[in-house]
Amino acid sequence: MERRLRKLKVKDGKVTILFEQLSEATGLWDEYAFTCWEKPLPELGDALHDLVVDVLAVCRLPDGYRSGLKVAGVSCSYAGDDGDLGATITALKTLGTANSPLVLNTPYLSVTGDPGMSDEMEARLATLELHAFAYVDGRRAQGNLFEDAA
């Protein structure tokens, strides 16, 4: 089954994942929305955190800005006949001057654009997608929901 991530957001412990799955019957992409309060495996959080480097690079922020910066979500799209990936990353920056964080959205970058996303960013997004679908498939912090009880 072919699937692709459209959006992943983590807010206040709630994980929201929007994705598409290619229908064998129609050859078109069906859309699905998934929201769950169950804690993800650490790898999903790590994959989100690993995108901080891309937020810093794309927004041309100094490395010192990393402190208090947290990736909260990613929005993806697919263009052209080959379904070329494009993405925007949403990050939150804790500020000492406000009770709520600064919201940063990177500019949209695609794998084929000019400028385009780096190969490293594309690989990090692929890792995030892998862990997002593991979460959808029931692999969460409390164990696999779909394993047969022995």
N, C-alpha and C. Protein backbone atom coordinates (compact mmCIF):
# COMPACT_ATOMS: atom_id res chain seq x y z
N MET A 1 0.85 -1.17 0.00
CA MET A 1 0.00 0.00 0.00
C MET A 1 0.89 1.23 0.00
N GLU A 2 0.64 2.11 -0.92
CA GLU A 2 1.43 3.33 -1.04
C GLU A 2 0.74 4.46 -0.28
N ARG A 3 1.49 5.07 0.65
CA ARG A 3 0.97 6.18 1.45
C ARG A 3 1.98 7.32 1.43
N ARG A 4 1.47 8.51 1.67
CA ARG A 4 2.36 9.66 1.79
C ARG A 4 1.79 10.65 2.80
N LEU A 5 2.69 11.21 3.57
CA LEU A 5 2.34 12.14 4.63
C LEU A 5 1.94 13.48 4.06
N ARG A 6 0.85 14.04 4.56
CA ARG A 6 0.44 15.39 4.16
C ARG A 6 0.69 16.39 5.28
N LYS A 7 0.42 15.97 6.52
CA LYS A 7 0.63 16.88 7.65
C LYS A 7 0.82 16.07 8.91
N LEU A 8 1.72 16.55 9.75
CA LEU A 8 1.90 15.98 11.07
C LEU A 8 2.01 17.15 12.03
N LYS A 9 1.24 17.07 13.11
CA LYS A 9 1.26 18.13 14.12
C LYS A 9 1.18 17.48 15.49
N VAL A 10 2.00 17.97 16.40
CA VAL A 10 1.95 17.52 17.79
C VAL A 10 1.71 18.77 18.64
N LYS A 11 0.60 18.75 19.39
CA LYS A 11 0.26 19.90 20.22
C LYS A 11 -0.40 19.42 21.51
N ASP A 12 0.16 19.82 22.62
CA ASP A 12 -0.38 19.50 23.94
C ASP A 12 -0.62 17.99 24.11
N GLY A 13 0.30 17.18 23.57
CA GLY A 13 0.19 15.73 23.72
C GLY A 13 -0.69 15.05 22.69
N LYS A 14 -1.35 15.81 21.84
CA LYS A 14 -2.22 15.23 20.80
C LYS A 14 -1.44 15.17 19.49
N VAL A 15 -1.46 14.00 18.85
CA VAL A 15 -0.79 13.80 17.58
C VAL A 15 -1.84 13.77 16.48
N THR A 16 -1.67 14.64 15.48
CA THR A 16 -2.58 14.69 14.34
C THR A 16 -1.77 14.38 13.09
N ILE A 17 -2.23 13.42 12.32
CA ILE A 17 -1.56 13.02 11.09
C ILE A 17 -2.58 12.98 9.96
N LEU A 18 -2.32 13.73 8.92
CA LEU A 18 -3.11 13.67 7.69
C LEU A 18 -2.25 12.98 6.66
N PHE A 19 -2.85 12.03 5.96
CA PHE A 19 -2.07 11.32 4.94
C PHE A 19 -2.96 10.90 3.79
N GLU A 20 -2.30 10.50 2.72
CA GLU A 20 -2.99 10.00 1.53
C GLU A 20 -2.56 8.56 1.29
N GLN A 21 -3.49 7.79 0.77
CA GLN A 21 -3.20 6.41 0.41
C GLN A 21 -3.71 6.17 -0.99
N LEU A 22 -2.88 5.58 -1.83
CA LEU A 22 -3.24 5.33 -3.21
C LEU A 22 -4.26 4.20 -3.27
N SER A 23 -5.42 4.48 -3.87
CA SER A 23 -6.48 3.49 -3.99
C SER A 23 -6.17 2.54 -5.15
N GLU A 24 -6.19 1.26 -4.84
CA GLU A 24 -5.99 0.26 -5.90
C GLU A 24 -7.17 0.24 -6.86
N ALA A 25 -8.35 0.57 -6.37
CA ALA A 25 -9.56 0.53 -7.20
C ALA A 25 -9.62 1.68 -8.21
N THR A 26 -9.24 2.88 -7.76
CA THR A 26 -9.40 4.06 -8.62
C THR A 26 -8.08 4.62 -9.15
N GLY A 27 -6.98 4.28 -8.49
CA GLY A 27 -5.69 4.85 -8.86
C GLY A 27 -5.54 6.29 -8.39
N LEU A 28 -6.46 6.75 -7.54
CA LEU A 28 -6.42 8.10 -7.00
C LEU A 28 -6.00 8.06 -5.53
N TRP A 29 -5.59 9.22 -5.03
CA TRP A 29 -5.14 9.31 -3.64
C TRP A 29 -6.33 9.59 -2.72
N ASP A 30 -6.64 8.63 -1.84
CA ASP A 30 -7.67 8.83 -0.82
C ASP A 30 -7.02 9.55 0.36
N GLU A 31 -7.80 10.41 1.02
CA GLU A 31 -7.27 11.21 2.13
C GLU A 31 -7.79 10.70 3.47
N TYR A 32 -6.91 10.67 4.45
CA TYR A 32 -7.25 10.19 5.78
C TYR A 32 -6.75 11.17 6.84
N ALA A 33 -7.50 11.30 7.91
CA ALA A 33 -7.11 12.13 9.05
C ALA A 33 -7.07 11.23 10.28
N PHE A 34 -6.04 11.36 11.06
CA PHE A 34 -5.83 10.51 12.23
C PHE A 34 -5.40 11.39 13.40
N THR A 35 -6.14 11.31 14.50
CA THR A 35 -5.80 12.08 15.70
C THR A 35 -5.81 11.12 16.88
N CYS A 36 -4.77 11.22 17.71
CA CYS A 36 -4.65 10.29 18.84
C CYS A 36 -3.92 10.97 19.99
N TRP A 37 -4.32 10.63 21.20
CA TRP A 37 -3.69 11.17 22.40
C TRP A 37 -2.60 10.24 22.95
N GLU A 38 -2.47 9.05 22.39
CA GLU A 38 -1.47 8.12 22.92
C GLU A 38 -0.06 8.61 22.61
N LYS A 39 0.80 8.44 23.57
CA LYS A 39 2.17 8.92 23.45
C LYS A 39 2.91 8.15 22.36
N PRO A 40 3.60 8.89 21.47
CA PRO A 40 4.36 8.20 20.41
C PRO A 40 5.65 7.61 20.95
N LEU A 41 6.24 6.72 20.17
CA LEU A 41 7.57 6.24 20.48
C LEU A 41 8.54 7.43 20.42
N PRO A 42 9.62 7.37 21.16
CA PRO A 42 10.59 8.48 21.16
C PRO A 42 11.12 8.82 19.77
N GLU A 43 11.17 7.84 18.88
CA GLU A 43 11.71 8.07 17.54
C GLU A 43 10.91 9.12 16.76
N LEU A 44 9.61 9.20 16.99
CA LEU A 44 8.81 10.22 16.30
C LEU A 44 9.20 11.61 16.79
N GLY A 45 9.33 11.77 18.10
CA GLY A 45 9.77 13.05 18.65
C GLY A 45 11.18 13.40 18.20
N ASP A 46 12.04 12.39 18.14
CA ASP A 46 13.41 12.62 17.68
C ASP A 46 13.44 13.08 16.23
N ALA A 47 12.58 12.47 15.40
CA ALA A 47 12.52 12.85 13.98
C ALA A 47 12.04 14.28 13.82
N LEU A 48 11.07 14.70 14.65
CA LEU A 48 10.64 16.10 14.63
C LEU A 48 11.77 17.01 15.09
N HIS A 49 12.41 16.66 16.18
CA HIS A 49 13.50 17.46 16.73
C HIS A 49 14.65 17.61 15.72
N ASP A 50 14.91 16.57 14.96
CA ASP A 50 16.00 16.61 13.99
C ASP A 50 15.78 17.66 12.91
N LEU A 51 14.53 18.11 12.73
CA LEU A 51 14.23 19.14 11.73
C LEU A 51 14.58 20.55 12.20
N VAL A 52 14.96 20.70 13.46
CA VAL A 52 15.38 22.01 13.97
C VAL A 52 16.52 22.56 13.12
N VAL A 53 17.44 21.70 12.74
CA VAL A 53 18.57 22.14 11.92
C VAL A 53 18.10 22.73 10.59
N ASP A 54 17.02 22.20 10.05
CA ASP A 54 16.49 22.72 8.79
C ASP A 54 15.78 24.05 8.99
N VAL A 55 15.08 24.20 10.12
CA VAL A 55 14.45 25.49 10.43
C VAL A 55 15.53 26.57 10.52
N LEU A 56 16.60 26.27 11.23
CA LEU A 56 17.70 27.22 11.37
C LEU A 56 18.32 27.57 10.01
N ALA A 57 18.54 26.54 9.19
CA ALA A 57 19.19 26.76 7.89
C ALA A 57 18.29 27.51 6.92
N VAL A 58 17.05 27.06 6.78
CA VAL A 58 16.14 27.66 5.80
C VAL A 58 15.81 29.10 6.18
N CYS A 59 15.60 29.36 7.46
CA CYS A 59 15.26 30.71 7.92
C CYS A 59 16.50 31.56 8.18
N ARG A 60 17.68 30.98 7.99
CA ARG A 60 18.96 31.68 8.18
C ARG A 60 19.07 32.29 9.58
N LEU A 61 18.72 31.45 10.55
CA LEU A 61 18.79 31.86 11.95
C LEU A 61 20.13 31.43 12.54
N PRO A 62 20.66 32.19 13.48
CA PRO A 62 21.93 31.80 14.10
C PRO A 62 21.74 30.55 14.95
N ASP A 63 22.81 29.78 15.10
CA ASP A 63 22.75 28.54 15.87
C ASP A 63 22.31 28.78 17.31
N GLY A 64 22.60 29.96 17.86
CA GLY A 64 22.17 30.29 19.21
C GLY A 64 20.65 30.34 19.36
N TYR A 65 19.96 30.44 18.26
CA TYR A 65 18.49 30.48 18.28
C TYR A 65 17.89 29.10 18.55
N ARG A 66 18.75 28.07 18.50
CA ARG A 66 18.30 26.68 18.69
C ARG A 66 17.67 26.48 20.07
N SER A 67 18.19 27.15 21.09
CA SER A 67 17.67 27.01 22.45
C SER A 67 16.22 27.50 22.50
N GLY A 68 15.34 26.64 22.99
CA GLY A 68 13.92 26.99 23.08
C GLY A 68 13.16 26.83 21.79
N LEU A 69 13.79 26.30 20.75
CA LEU A 69 13.14 26.09 19.45
C LEU A 69 12.67 24.65 19.35
N LYS A 70 11.40 24.46 19.05
CA LYS A 70 10.81 23.12 18.99
C LYS A 70 9.97 22.99 17.72
N VAL A 71 10.21 21.94 16.95
CA VAL A 71 9.40 21.69 15.75
C VAL A 71 8.07 21.09 16.19
N ALA A 72 6.99 21.75 15.79
CA ALA A 72 5.64 21.32 16.18
C ALA A 72 4.90 20.59 15.07
N GLY A 73 5.37 20.74 13.83
CA GLY A 73 4.67 20.08 12.74
C GLY A 73 5.31 20.31 11.40
N VAL A 74 4.79 19.56 10.43
CA VAL A 74 5.26 19.63 9.05
C VAL A 74 4.05 19.49 8.15
N SER A 75 4.01 20.30 7.09
CA SER A 75 3.00 20.17 6.04
C SER A 75 3.70 19.82 4.75
N CYS A 76 3.22 18.78 4.08
CA CYS A 76 3.84 18.30 2.84
C CYS A 76 2.85 18.35 1.69
N SER A 77 3.39 18.53 0.49
CA SER A 77 2.57 18.43 -0.72
C SER A 77 3.39 17.71 -1.77
N TYR A 78 2.71 17.29 -2.82
CA TYR A 78 3.34 16.49 -3.86
C TYR A 78 2.90 17.04 -5.21
N ALA A 79 3.88 17.42 -6.04
CA ALA A 79 3.56 18.09 -7.29
C ALA A 79 4.09 17.30 -8.48
N GLY A 80 3.48 17.57 -9.61
CA GLY A 80 3.95 16.97 -10.85
C GLY A 80 3.58 15.51 -10.98
N ASP A 81 3.93 14.96 -12.13
CA ASP A 81 3.62 13.56 -12.41
C ASP A 81 4.36 12.60 -11.49
N ASP A 82 5.54 13.02 -11.03
CA ASP A 82 6.33 12.16 -10.15
C ASP A 82 6.00 12.35 -8.68
N GLY A 83 5.11 13.30 -8.36
CA GLY A 83 4.75 13.54 -6.97
C GLY A 83 5.91 14.08 -6.17
N ASP A 84 6.62 15.06 -6.74
CA ASP A 84 7.79 15.63 -6.06
C ASP A 84 7.38 16.27 -4.74
N LEU A 85 8.11 15.92 -3.69
CA LEU A 85 7.84 16.39 -2.33
C LEU A 85 8.19 17.85 -2.16
N GLY A 86 7.31 18.55 -1.46
CA GLY A 86 7.56 19.91 -0.99
C GLY A 86 7.07 19.99 0.44
N ALA A 87 7.67 20.87 1.24
CA ALA A 87 7.29 20.92 2.65
C ALA A 87 7.51 22.28 3.27
N THR A 88 6.73 22.53 4.32
CA THR A 88 6.89 23.67 5.20
C THR A 88 6.97 23.11 6.62
N ILE A 89 7.91 23.61 7.39
CA ILE A 89 8.09 23.17 8.78
C ILE A 89 7.60 24.27 9.70
N THR A 90 6.82 23.90 10.71
CA THR A 90 6.36 24.84 11.72
C THR A 90 7.12 24.59 13.02
N ALA A 91 7.69 25.65 13.56
CA ALA A 91 8.44 25.55 14.81
C ALA A 91 7.94 26.60 15.79
N LEU A 92 8.13 26.32 17.06
CA LEU A 92 7.76 27.24 18.13
C LEU A 92 9.02 27.65 18.88
N LYS A 93 9.16 28.94 19.14
CA LYS A 93 10.33 29.47 19.85
C LYS A 93 9.85 30.11 21.15
N THR A 94 10.31 29.56 22.28
CA THR A 94 9.99 30.12 23.58
C THR A 94 10.65 31.49 23.71
N LEU A 95 9.87 32.46 24.17
CA LEU A 95 10.38 33.81 24.37
C LEU A 95 10.21 34.20 25.83
N GLY A 96 11.16 34.92 26.34
CA GLY A 96 11.06 35.40 27.71
C GLY A 96 10.17 36.63 27.83
N THR A 97 9.73 37.17 26.71
CA THR A 97 8.95 38.41 26.71
C THR A 97 7.46 38.17 26.49
N ALA A 98 7.05 36.90 26.40
CA ALA A 98 5.64 36.60 26.13
C ALA A 98 5.25 35.28 26.78
N ASN A 99 3.94 35.10 26.99
CA ASN A 99 3.44 33.85 27.57
C ASN A 99 3.23 32.77 26.53
N SER A 100 3.23 33.14 25.28
CA SER A 100 3.06 32.16 24.21
C SER A 100 4.28 32.23 23.29
N PRO A 101 4.54 31.13 22.59
CA PRO A 101 5.75 31.09 21.76
C PRO A 101 5.59 31.86 20.45
N LEU A 102 6.72 32.19 19.88
CA LEU A 102 6.77 32.73 18.53
C LEU A 102 6.58 31.56 17.58
N VAL A 103 5.69 31.70 16.60
CA VAL A 103 5.45 30.64 15.62
C VAL A 103 6.24 30.96 14.36
N LEU A 104 7.08 30.02 13.95
CA LEU A 104 7.89 30.18 12.75
C LEU A 104 7.48 29.14 11.72
N ASN A 105 7.19 29.58 10.53
CA ASN A 105 6.95 28.67 9.41
C ASN A 105 8.05 28.88 8.39
N THR A 106 8.73 27.81 8.03
CA THR A 106 9.75 27.95 7.00
C THR A 106 9.05 28.23 5.68
N PRO A 107 9.74 28.86 4.76
CA PRO A 107 9.19 28.96 3.41
C PRO A 107 9.02 27.55 2.83
N TYR A 108 8.10 27.41 1.92
CA TYR A 108 7.89 26.14 1.23
C TYR A 108 9.10 25.84 0.36
N LEU A 109 9.63 24.64 0.51
CA LEU A 109 10.73 24.18 -0.33
C LEU A 109 10.36 22.84 -0.94
N SER A 110 10.72 22.63 -2.18
CA SER A 110 10.47 21.33 -2.82
C SER A 110 11.80 20.69 -3.19
N VAL A 111 11.75 19.40 -3.49
CA VAL A 111 12.98 18.70 -3.85
C VAL A 111 13.50 19.16 -5.21
N THR A 112 12.63 19.67 -6.06
CA THR A 112 13.05 20.07 -7.40
C THR A 112 13.08 21.59 -7.58
N GLY A 113 12.74 22.35 -6.54
CA GLY A 113 12.68 23.80 -6.66
C GLY A 113 14.06 24.43 -6.71
N ASP A 114 14.07 25.72 -6.98
CA ASP A 114 15.30 26.48 -6.97
C ASP A 114 15.05 27.78 -6.22
N PRO A 115 15.47 27.93 -4.97
CA PRO A 115 16.25 26.92 -4.27
C PRO A 115 15.38 25.77 -3.79
N GLY A 116 15.95 24.62 -3.72
CA GLY A 116 15.22 23.45 -3.27
C GLY A 116 15.70 23.01 -1.90
N MET A 117 14.98 22.03 -1.35
CA MET A 117 15.41 21.50 -0.05
C MET A 117 16.67 20.67 -0.24
N SER A 118 17.47 20.63 0.79
CA SER A 118 18.70 19.84 0.74
C SER A 118 18.37 18.35 0.76
N ASP A 119 19.32 17.56 0.29
CA ASP A 119 19.16 16.11 0.36
C ASP A 119 19.00 15.65 1.80
N GLU A 120 19.70 16.31 2.71
CA GLU A 120 19.63 15.96 4.13
C GLU A 120 18.24 16.24 4.69
N MET A 121 17.65 17.37 4.30
CA MET A 121 16.29 17.69 4.76
C MET A 121 15.30 16.68 4.20
N GLU A 122 15.46 16.32 2.94
CA GLU A 122 14.58 15.31 2.33
C GLU A 122 14.69 13.99 3.08
N ALA A 123 15.90 13.61 3.46
CA ALA A 123 16.09 12.36 4.21
C ALA A 123 15.46 12.45 5.60
N ARG A 124 15.58 13.61 6.26
CA ARG A 124 14.95 13.77 7.58
C ARG A 124 13.43 13.70 7.47
N LEU A 125 12.87 14.28 6.41
CA LEU A 125 11.41 14.20 6.20
C LEU A 125 10.97 12.77 5.92
N ALA A 126 11.78 12.01 5.20
CA ALA A 126 11.46 10.60 4.94
C ALA A 126 11.46 9.80 6.25
N THR A 127 12.41 10.12 7.13
CA THR A 127 12.46 9.45 8.43
C THR A 127 11.23 9.81 9.26
N LEU A 128 10.85 11.08 9.24
CA LEU A 128 9.65 11.51 9.96
C LEU A 128 8.42 10.77 9.42
N GLU A 129 8.30 10.67 8.12
CA GLU A 129 7.17 9.96 7.51
C GLU A 129 7.13 8.50 7.95
N LEU A 130 8.28 7.86 7.98
CA LEU A 130 8.37 6.46 8.42
C LEU A 130 7.83 6.31 9.85
N HIS A 131 8.24 7.20 10.75
CA HIS A 131 7.79 7.11 12.14
C HIS A 131 6.32 7.54 12.29
N ALA A 132 5.86 8.45 11.45
CA ALA A 132 4.45 8.84 11.48
C ALA A 132 3.56 7.65 11.12
N PHE A 133 3.95 6.91 10.09
CA PHE A 133 3.14 5.76 9.70
C PHE A 133 3.26 4.61 10.69
N ALA A 134 4.39 4.49 11.35
CA ALA A 134 4.50 3.50 12.43
C ALA A 134 3.49 3.84 13.53
N TYR A 135 3.35 5.14 13.83
CA TYR A 135 2.37 5.58 14.83
C TYR A 135 0.95 5.26 14.38
N VAL A 136 0.63 5.58 13.14
CA VAL A 136 -0.70 5.27 12.59
C VAL A 136 -0.97 3.77 12.68
N ASP A 137 0.05 2.96 12.42
CA ASP A 137 -0.09 1.50 12.42
C ASP A 137 -0.09 0.89 13.81
N GLY A 138 -0.08 1.74 14.86
CA GLY A 138 -0.24 1.23 16.21
C GLY A 138 1.03 1.09 17.01
N ARG A 139 2.17 1.45 16.46
CA ARG A 139 3.42 1.35 17.21
C ARG A 139 3.62 2.65 17.98
N ARG A 140 3.26 2.57 19.26
CA ARG A 140 3.30 3.74 20.13
C ARG A 140 4.04 3.40 21.42
N ALA A 141 4.17 4.37 22.29
CA ALA A 141 5.00 4.20 23.49
C ALA A 141 4.54 3.04 24.36
N GLN A 142 3.26 2.71 24.37
CA GLN A 142 2.78 1.64 25.23
C GLN A 142 2.90 0.27 24.57
N GLY A 143 3.38 0.20 23.34
CA GLY A 143 3.56 -1.08 22.66
C GLY A 143 2.71 -1.13 21.41
N ASN A 144 2.84 -2.21 20.68
CA ASN A 144 2.11 -2.39 19.44
C ASN A 144 0.67 -2.78 19.74
N LEU A 145 -0.27 -1.99 19.27
CA LEU A 145 -1.70 -2.27 19.54
C LEU A 145 -2.22 -3.48 18.81
N PHE A 146 -1.54 -3.88 17.74
CA PHE A 146 -2.09 -4.93 16.89
C PHE A 146 -1.34 -6.26 16.97
N GLU A 147 -0.44 -6.39 17.94
CA GLU A 147 0.22 -7.68 18.14
C GLU A 147 -0.77 -8.63 18.79
N ASP A 148 -0.69 -9.89 18.38
CA ASP A 148 -1.53 -10.91 18.99
C ASP A 148 -1.03 -11.18 20.40
N ALA A 149 -1.95 -11.27 21.34
CA ALA A 149 -1.58 -11.57 22.73
C ALA A 149 -1.14 -13.02 22.80
N ALA A 150 -0.03 -13.27 23.46
CA ALA A 150 0.50 -14.65 23.54
C ALA A 150 -0.07 -15.37 24.73
